[in-house]
Amino acid sequence: MDISDTYSPEKRDQIMRGAAAVFAADGYEGASMARIAAVAGVSKGTLYNYFDSKAALFTSYVAESCERGLGQIFDGADHDGDPAAVLRAIGRRMVAMMLSDVGLAVYRVVIAEAAKFPDLARAFFDAGPARAIGFLADWLAEETRRGRLSVPDPAFAAEQYFSLCQTELVLRRKLEMLGDPSPDAIDRVVEAAITMFLRSYGPPVM
């Protein structure tokens, strides 16, 4: 086997696509490295050259999925425009990511396995929700420093905002009680979240 092929980015992407399909179909505990290798179209030896365990593969899959999603959510989150516009963009993208096929698949696997594999649940939380809260908290803190918002506890407020944006849609979709919501339905929830959020954390009254 050619070592340049073994460690090529293309081969790694091939493995990650296979892993995503197997984890979504079989869950974490039900997935096997042999099946992942078969679905990815690689040998078990090649698979183990990249990831020495199923836990390492799953952790990388979750981290990379979260990294892609977070990059899109916070793209353009600067301090030049209207805070409401930045919150609107973040809210819409966050909801879209959570309701995407990848977002739902990762969440369902993690929830199903959290009791047996708490380290995997922690890895998901650290790679996804915790980083999102941290990014938004930093943005809120800077907006507060500039006098455009008044947020005494940015981390708490960031988590509040993300929770508000999930109203009526996200839990129902995770439970298969709702189909894919329309853009108008997402906008309605996000606009209501912004209104409530800015009533509490708008700029201080002079």
Protein backbone atom coordinates (compact mmCIF):
# COMPACT_ATOMS: atom_id res chain seq x y z
CA MET A 1 0.00 0.00 0.00
CA ASP A 2 1.32 3.40 -1.01
CA ILE A 3 1.87 5.52 2.11
CA SER A 4 1.08 8.70 0.17
CA ASP A 5 -2.36 7.25 -0.57
CA THR A 6 -2.77 6.12 3.04
CA TYR A 7 -2.41 9.65 4.37
CA SER A 8 -3.99 11.61 1.54
CA PRO A 9 -6.67 14.19 2.37
CA GLU A 10 -8.93 12.61 -0.24
CA LYS A 11 -8.71 9.22 1.44
CA ARG A 12 -9.43 10.78 4.82
CA ASP A 13 -12.51 12.54 3.42
CA GLN A 14 -13.61 9.20 1.96
CA ILE A 15 -13.33 7.62 5.39
CA MET A 16 -15.23 10.45 7.06
CA ARG A 17 -18.10 10.14 4.57
CA GLY A 18 -18.31 6.43 5.27
CA ALA A 19 -18.20 7.01 9.01
CA ALA A 20 -20.96 9.62 8.79
CA ALA A 21 -23.22 7.18 6.96
CA VAL A 22 -22.58 4.31 9.38
CA PHE A 23 -22.90 6.37 12.57
CA ALA A 24 -26.17 7.85 11.31
CA ALA A 25 -27.56 4.41 10.44
CA ASP A 26 -26.19 2.27 13.28
CA GLY A 27 -25.45 4.68 16.11
CA TYR A 28 -22.13 4.71 17.88
CA GLU A 29 -22.34 1.41 19.72
CA GLY A 30 -23.81 -0.41 16.72
CA ALA A 31 -21.17 0.85 14.32
CA SER A 32 -18.08 -1.24 13.70
CA MET A 33 -14.76 -0.28 12.20
CA ALA A 34 -15.16 -3.17 9.73
CA ARG A 35 -18.48 -1.81 8.47
CA ILE A 36 -17.15 1.75 8.31
CA ALA A 37 -14.20 0.54 6.25
CA ALA A 38 -16.53 -1.34 3.90
CA VAL A 39 -18.90 1.59 3.42
CA ALA A 40 -15.97 3.98 2.93
CA GLY A 41 -14.41 1.62 0.39
CA VAL A 42 -11.09 1.24 2.20
CA SER A 43 -9.33 -1.61 3.94
CA LYS A 44 -9.42 -1.94 7.72
CA GLY A 45 -5.67 -1.39 7.69
CA THR A 46 -6.07 1.92 5.92
CA LEU A 47 -8.82 2.93 8.33
CA TYR A 48 -6.64 2.18 11.35
CA ASN A 49 -3.77 4.15 9.82
CA TYR A 50 -5.95 7.23 10.21
CA PHE A 51 -7.88 6.42 13.38
CA ASP A 52 -6.67 3.98 15.99
CA SER A 53 -10.13 3.47 17.52
CA LYS A 54 -13.82 3.99 16.86
CA ALA A 55 -13.89 6.63 19.60
CA ALA A 56 -11.13 8.61 17.87
CA LEU A 57 -12.98 8.39 14.56
CA PHE A 58 -16.29 9.48 16.05
CA THR A 59 -14.67 12.35 17.94
CA SER A 60 -13.03 13.58 14.73
CA TYR A 61 -16.30 13.23 12.82
CA VAL A 62 -18.16 15.32 15.40
CA ALA A 63 -15.39 17.92 15.68
CA GLU A 64 -15.14 18.41 11.92
CA SER A 65 -18.92 18.60 11.52
CA CYS A 66 -19.10 21.24 14.23
CA GLU A 67 -16.14 23.15 12.81
CA ARG A 68 -17.79 23.44 9.39
CA GLY A 69 -21.09 24.50 10.90
CA LEU A 70 -19.63 27.08 13.27
CA GLY A 71 -17.56 28.64 10.53
CA GLN A 72 -20.74 29.32 8.58
CA ILE A 73 -22.77 30.50 11.55
CA PHE A 74 -20.33 33.20 12.64
CA ASP A 75 -19.14 34.31 9.22
CA GLY A 76 -19.44 38.11 9.08
CA ALA A 77 -20.15 38.52 12.80
CA ASP A 78 -18.32 41.85 13.04
CA HIS A 79 -18.94 45.05 14.99
CA ASP A 80 -19.58 47.41 12.10
CA GLY A 81 -23.30 46.98 11.52
CA ASP A 82 -26.54 46.84 13.46
CA PRO A 83 -26.35 44.30 16.33
CA ALA A 84 -29.82 43.05 15.41
CA ALA A 85 -28.63 42.22 11.90
CA VAL A 86 -25.70 40.20 13.23
CA LEU A 87 -27.94 38.36 15.68
CA ARG A 88 -30.41 37.68 12.87
CA ALA A 89 -27.75 36.10 10.66
CA ILE A 90 -26.36 34.03 13.53
CA GLY A 91 -29.81 32.86 14.60
CA ARG A 92 -30.92 31.82 11.12
CA ARG A 93 -27.71 29.92 10.42
CA MET A 94 -27.67 28.27 13.82
CA VAL A 95 -31.23 26.96 13.40
CA ALA A 96 -30.47 25.83 9.86
CA MET A 97 -27.41 23.91 11.07
CA MET A 98 -29.27 22.24 13.92
CA LEU A 99 -32.05 21.16 11.55
CA SER A 100 -29.72 19.98 8.80
CA ASP A 101 -29.34 16.27 8.11
CA VAL A 102 -25.82 16.32 9.59
CA GLY A 103 -26.86 18.33 12.63
CA LEU A 104 -29.77 16.03 13.41
CA ALA A 105 -27.71 12.88 12.83
CA VAL A 106 -24.89 13.96 15.14
CA TYR A 107 -27.29 15.05 17.88
CA ARG A 108 -29.30 11.84 17.77
CA VAL A 109 -26.24 9.62 17.93
CA VAL A 110 -24.77 11.57 20.84
CA ILE A 111 -28.03 11.59 22.82
CA ALA A 112 -28.54 7.87 22.24
CA GLU A 113 -25.08 7.03 23.52
CA ALA A 114 -24.50 9.73 26.17
CA ALA A 115 -25.28 7.53 29.18
CA LYS A 116 -22.90 4.75 28.11
CA PHE A 117 -20.25 6.96 26.55
CA PRO A 118 -20.16 10.25 28.49
CA ASP A 119 -16.74 11.15 27.07
CA LEU A 120 -18.24 11.25 23.58
CA ALA A 121 -21.06 13.48 24.81
CA ARG A 122 -18.50 15.82 26.39
CA ALA A 123 -16.49 15.86 23.15
CA PHE A 124 -19.62 16.87 21.25
CA PHE A 125 -20.51 19.58 23.75
CA ASP A 126 -17.00 21.01 23.72
CA ALA A 127 -16.72 20.95 19.92
CA GLY A 128 -20.17 22.34 19.20
CA PRO A 129 -22.40 24.05 21.79
CA ALA A 130 -19.60 25.26 24.06
CA ARG A 131 -17.65 26.80 21.18
CA ALA A 132 -20.78 28.46 19.77
CA ILE A 133 -21.59 29.93 23.17
CA GLY A 134 -18.00 31.12 23.52
CA PHE A 135 -17.97 32.78 20.10
CA LEU A 136 -21.25 34.60 20.71
CA ALA A 137 -20.22 35.54 24.26
CA ASP A 138 -17.05 37.17 22.94
CA TRP A 139 -19.09 39.11 20.39
CA LEU A 140 -21.58 40.24 23.04
CA ALA A 141 -18.77 41.30 25.37
CA GLU A 142 -17.21 43.46 22.68
CA GLU A 143 -20.59 44.99 21.77
CA THR A 144 -21.04 45.81 25.45
CA ARG A 145 -17.57 47.36 25.63
CA ARG A 146 -18.49 49.58 22.68
CA GLY A 147 -21.74 50.64 24.37
CA ARG A 148 -23.98 49.10 21.71
CA LEU A 149 -25.39 46.45 24.05
CA SER A 150 -25.53 45.98 27.82
CA VAL A 151 -24.78 42.35 28.67
CA PRO A 152 -23.49 41.75 32.22
CA ASP A 153 -22.97 37.99 31.72
CA PRO A 154 -22.14 37.34 28.04
CA ALA A 155 -21.84 33.54 28.33
CA PHE A 156 -25.24 33.25 30.01
CA ALA A 157 -26.82 35.64 27.51
CA ALA A 158 -25.31 33.76 24.57
CA GLU A 159 -26.85 30.51 25.72
CA GLN A 160 -30.16 32.29 26.29
CA TYR A 161 -30.17 33.59 22.73
CA PHE A 162 -29.49 30.17 21.22
CA SER A 163 -32.27 28.69 23.35
CA LEU A 164 -34.72 31.37 22.24
CA CYS A 165 -33.94 30.64 18.60
CA GLN A 166 -34.93 26.99 19.07
CA THR A 167 -38.48 27.81 20.19
CA GLU A 168 -41.28 25.79 18.60
CA LEU A 169 -39.10 24.23 15.91
CA VAL A 170 -35.94 22.44 16.98
CA LEU A 171 -37.19 20.02 19.64
CA ARG A 172 -40.21 19.04 17.55
CA ARG A 173 -38.01 18.41 14.53
CA LYS A 174 -35.59 16.29 16.58
CA LEU A 175 -38.55 14.20 17.75
CA GLU A 176 -39.86 13.80 14.16
CA MET A 177 -43.01 15.69 15.13
CA LEU A 178 -42.32 18.31 12.48
CA GLY A 179 -41.05 18.30 8.92
CA ASP A 180 -38.45 20.72 7.67
CA PRO A 181 -39.69 24.19 8.69
CA SER A 182 -39.99 26.86 6.04
CA PRO A 183 -37.63 29.86 5.96
CA ASP A 184 -40.60 32.01 7.02
CA ALA A 185 -41.16 29.84 10.10
CA ILE A 186 -37.49 30.11 11.05
CA ASP A 187 -37.53 33.88 10.49
CA ARG A 188 -40.58 34.25 12.73
CA VAL A 189 -38.86 32.48 15.61
CA VAL A 190 -35.54 34.31 15.15
CA GLU A 191 -37.21 37.74 14.96
CA ALA A 192 -39.12 37.03 18.17
CA ALA A 193 -35.89 35.90 19.82
CA ILE A 194 -34.10 39.11 18.80
CA THR A 195 -36.97 41.25 20.10
CA MET A 196 -36.93 39.56 23.50
CA PHE A 197 -33.14 39.51 23.67
CA LEU A 198 -32.69 43.20 22.90
CA ARG A 199 -35.38 44.19 25.40
CA SER A 200 -33.15 42.71 28.08
CA TYR A 201 -29.73 43.52 26.66
CA GLY A 202 -30.17 46.59 24.51
CA PRO A 203 -27.84 49.57 24.91
CA PRO A 204 -28.01 51.36 28.26
CA VAL A 205 -30.42 54.29 28.41
CA MET A 206 -28.52 57.54 28.80
